[in-house]
Structures are given as C-alpha cells and as structure tokens.
Amino acid sequence: MVGVLALGIAAGSLAAGAGSLALVWYLDRYRGSPGAAWFMLTLCAQTVWTVAYGVGLLVSDPALRMATEALTWLGIAWLGPLFLGFALQYTGRTGLFRSRWFQAVFAVPVGGSLLVLTLPFHDLLWRGFRMEPLFGLSRSSTPSSPRRTSSSRSRSSRPGSASCCSSRPS
C-alpha cells in the first residue's frame, strides 16, 4: 500500500517534470535568443530524469522499473554538458564550441547513453539490479557495482576496517 508521503514524493518528481515542460513551452518563443535552445534542451533532459524517476517509484514490474532507471540515468547524464552549452552561448563565449575540450565534454553523456541503450547486453553500469520497497515506493538497488573490485570488497568486509563504499557497518 502506497501511503500519502510516498505519493507526495512521486507526485513532486512528476510535478517537476511537468513544470520543466511548461517552461520549455514558454521559452519556445525565445528560441532565437542566445542560449535559449541550449536551455530548452537542458530542461528536456531534466524532464526525462524527473518523470522517469517519478514513474519508476510507482511501478512494480522489475523490467519496467529497470527501464525507468535507465531513462533516469540518461536524463542525468545530459544535464551538465547541455547546461554548459547554455552558459557559454548566453555569455557570448560561442567560440569555445569549436574547442576540443567542449567537444570532449560530450563524450561522457554519449558514452553513458550508449551504455544505457545497450544495457540488456552487458552489466557495465550495474549488476544485481533489484527493487526494494521504501515507504511503499519501488526503490531500485544495485548491490554490486562494476567499479567495485574484489579487493575493495575484501578490505571493507574485514572487522575494524572502514571504507567510504562499504554498506556494512565496520
């Protein structure tokens, strides 16, 4: 049973997505202004993130929950580079668009998007995906991250050891 608090959390996320879309609709009339298109793209990425997260909290099907988690990752991955594009264009620094460093910034969301879109074929982003209830919502959990090596697991499991990545008390 989903309680009032849980529905409020999910509704807040969905409302953030709706607000972002409303702002995109409003800003469309300023599309020719410096930075407007970049800002609208940033808001679209934010909408993908918040709506996918809100919907993901409410679904109980594991496959659908994994799909909404993947969409959440897509939205988050694109926020930074798109906002950087907005900031550069809005402040008149469009010459930096042609620089190698600006183009390299997009390697992270492009690579992340490719990993998310090919998720059914590998476990490079997460392993052991599962759903855990929290306040009646569907929270995702990935107990084994590919970045966590076996040596870091053994160190964190020793009595008296401390690790920033350890989920167990030492």
Protein backbone atom coordinates (compact mmCIF):
# COMPACT_ATOMS: atom_id res chain seq x y z
CA MET A 1 0.00 0.00 0.00
CA VAL A 2 1.39 3.34 -1.03
CA GLY A 3 0.92 5.99 1.62
CA VAL A 4 0.32 9.71 1.35
CA LEU A 5 4.02 10.51 1.92
CA ALA A 6 5.04 8.11 -0.85
CA LEU A 7 2.52 9.55 -3.28
CA GLY A 8 3.76 13.04 -2.39
CA ILE A 9 7.35 12.08 -3.21
CA ALA A 10 6.37 10.60 -6.58
CA ALA A 11 4.00 13.50 -7.33
CA GLY A 12 6.75 16.00 -6.56
CA SER A 13 9.02 14.36 -9.09
CA LEU A 14 6.28 14.25 -11.72
CA ALA A 15 5.35 17.88 -10.99
CA ALA A 16 8.98 18.90 -11.52
CA GLY A 17 8.86 17.24 -14.94
CA ALA A 18 5.58 18.97 -15.79
CA GLY A 19 6.99 22.31 -14.67
CA SER A 20 10.08 21.82 -16.82
CA LEU A 21 7.93 21.01 -19.85
CA ALA A 22 5.77 24.07 -19.21
CA LEU A 23 8.90 26.20 -19.10
CA VAL A 24 10.14 24.68 -22.38
CA TRP A 25 6.78 25.52 -23.95
CA TYR A 26 7.02 29.10 -22.66
CA LEU A 27 10.65 29.53 -23.75
CA ASP A 28 9.93 28.32 -27.28
CA ARG A 29 9.01 31.88 -28.28
CA TYR A 30 12.58 32.95 -27.34
CA ARG A 31 14.28 30.18 -29.32
CA GLY A 32 16.36 32.71 -31.28
CA SER A 33 17.77 34.36 -28.13
CA PRO A 34 21.31 33.47 -27.04
CA GLY A 35 21.32 30.25 -25.05
CA ALA A 36 17.57 29.60 -25.32
CA ALA A 37 17.84 26.41 -27.38
CA TRP A 38 20.55 25.00 -25.10
CA PHE A 39 18.48 25.86 -22.02
CA MET A 40 15.41 24.21 -23.51
CA LEU A 41 17.44 21.06 -24.19
CA THR A 42 18.68 21.15 -20.59
CA LEU A 43 15.09 21.36 -19.36
CA CYS A 44 14.12 18.44 -21.61
CA ALA A 45 16.90 16.31 -20.08
CA GLN A 46 15.67 17.36 -16.65
CA THR A 47 12.14 16.34 -17.63
CA VAL A 48 13.33 12.90 -18.73
CA TRP A 49 15.12 12.50 -15.39
CA THR A 50 12.31 13.65 -13.10
CA VAL A 51 9.43 11.96 -14.94
CA ALA A 52 11.30 8.66 -15.29
CA TYR A 53 12.19 8.80 -11.61
CA GLY A 54 8.62 9.60 -10.56
CA VAL A 55 7.13 6.86 -12.72
CA GLY A 56 9.81 4.42 -11.55
CA LEU A 57 8.82 4.96 -7.95
CA LEU A 58 5.27 3.85 -8.75
CA VAL A 59 5.84 0.75 -10.90
CA SER A 60 6.08 -2.75 -9.51
CA ASP A 61 7.21 -4.64 -12.61
CA PRO A 62 11.00 -5.25 -12.41
CA ALA A 63 11.56 -4.87 -16.18
CA LEU A 64 9.66 -1.59 -16.28
CA ARG A 65 11.46 -0.36 -13.16
CA MET A 66 14.83 -1.12 -14.78
CA ALA A 67 13.74 0.77 -17.91
CA THR A 68 12.74 3.83 -15.88
CA GLU A 69 16.05 3.66 -14.01
CA ALA A 70 17.89 3.63 -17.35
CA LEU A 71 15.90 6.68 -18.51
CA THR A 72 16.78 8.42 -15.25
CA TRP A 73 20.46 7.83 -15.96
CA LEU A 74 20.03 9.21 -19.49
CA GLY A 75 18.47 12.43 -18.26
CA ILE A 76 21.12 12.96 -15.60
CA ALA A 77 24.00 12.25 -18.00
CA TRP A 78 22.99 15.04 -20.37
CA LEU A 79 22.26 17.81 -17.83
CA GLY A 80 25.80 19.08 -17.28
CA PRO A 81 27.02 19.34 -20.88
CA LEU A 82 23.76 20.90 -22.09
CA PHE A 83 23.80 23.46 -19.30
CA LEU A 84 27.44 24.25 -20.12
CA GLY A 85 26.37 24.88 -23.73
CA PHE A 86 23.66 27.22 -22.47
CA ALA A 87 26.06 29.12 -20.21
CA LEU A 88 28.66 29.53 -22.94
CA GLN A 89 26.19 30.77 -25.53
CA TYR A 90 24.30 33.01 -23.10
CA THR A 91 27.54 34.72 -22.04
CA GLY A 92 28.76 35.12 -25.61
CA ARG A 93 31.56 32.56 -25.49
CA THR A 94 30.40 30.66 -28.57
CA GLY A 95 33.97 30.42 -29.89
CA LEU A 96 34.56 27.71 -27.30
CA PHE A 97 32.03 25.46 -29.05
CA ARG A 98 34.70 24.60 -31.61
CA SER A 99 37.31 23.72 -28.99
CA ARG A 100 38.36 20.14 -28.37
CA TRP A 101 37.63 20.38 -24.64
CA PHE A 102 33.99 21.38 -25.26
CA GLN A 103 33.56 18.51 -27.69
CA ALA A 104 35.22 16.14 -25.21
CA VAL A 105 32.69 17.11 -22.54
CA PHE A 106 30.07 15.34 -24.63
CA ALA A 107 31.99 12.04 -24.52
CA VAL A 108 30.52 11.30 -21.08
CA PRO A 109 26.81 11.61 -21.96
CA VAL A 110 27.29 9.98 -25.37
CA GLY A 111 29.18 7.06 -23.79
CA GLY A 112 26.70 6.86 -20.94
CA SER A 113 23.79 6.87 -23.38
CA LEU A 114 25.35 4.04 -25.37
CA LEU A 115 25.85 2.04 -22.17
CA VAL A 116 22.26 2.64 -21.09
CA LEU A 117 20.81 1.78 -24.51
CA THR A 118 22.82 -1.46 -24.67
CA LEU A 119 22.14 -2.39 -21.04
CA PRO A 120 20.36 -5.67 -21.85
CA PHE A 121 23.61 -6.98 -23.39
CA HIS A 122 26.09 -6.23 -20.57
CA ASP A 123 26.43 -5.39 -16.91
CA LEU A 124 28.81 -2.45 -17.22
CA LEU A 125 26.55 0.01 -15.38
CA TRP A 126 25.14 -2.20 -12.66
CA ARG A 127 24.88 -5.81 -11.57
CA GLY A 128 22.24 -7.46 -9.45
CA PHE A 129 19.53 -4.87 -10.07
CA ARG A 130 16.65 -5.33 -7.69
CA MET A 131 13.70 -3.43 -6.32
CA GLU A 132 13.34 -2.65 -2.63
CA PRO A 133 10.25 -1.09 -1.08
CA LEU A 134 10.65 2.24 0.70
CA PHE A 135 7.55 4.00 2.06
CA GLY A 136 5.55 1.78 -0.31
CA LEU A 137 7.50 3.01 -3.35
CA SER A 138 9.65 0.99 -5.72
CA ARG A 139 13.25 1.92 -4.91
CA SER A 140 15.97 0.44 -7.11
CA SER A 141 19.06 -1.14 -5.66
CA THR A 142 22.26 -2.27 -7.31
CA PRO A 143 24.29 -4.11 -4.67
CA SER A 144 27.25 -4.85 -6.93
CA SER A 145 28.70 -2.04 -8.96
CA PRO A 146 31.19 -2.95 -11.73
CA ARG A 147 33.58 -0.28 -10.41
CA ARG A 148 33.88 -2.06 -7.08
CA THR A 149 36.74 -4.53 -7.26
CA SER A 150 37.09 -7.74 -5.29
CA SER A 151 39.97 -6.24 -3.32
CA SER A 152 37.82 -3.32 -2.14
CA ARG A 153 35.10 -5.76 -1.09
CA SER A 154 37.53 -7.85 0.93
CA ARG A 155 39.01 -4.76 2.60
CA SER A 156 35.60 -3.42 3.58
CA SER A 157 34.49 -6.75 4.99
CA ARG A 158 37.42 -7.08 7.42
CA PRO A 159 36.47 -6.40 11.04
CA GLY A 160 37.50 -2.93 12.12
CA SER A 161 38.11 -1.66 8.59
CA ALA A 162 36.37 1.40 7.23
CA SER A 163 35.56 2.19 3.64
CA CYS A 164 33.66 5.03 2.05
CA CYS A 165 31.97 2.49 -0.21
CA SER A 166 31.10 -0.08 2.41
CA SER A 167 27.41 -0.57 3.03
CA ARG A 168 28.02 -2.66 6.15
CA PRO A 169 28.99 -1.18 9.49
CA SER A 170 32.56 -1.99 10.44
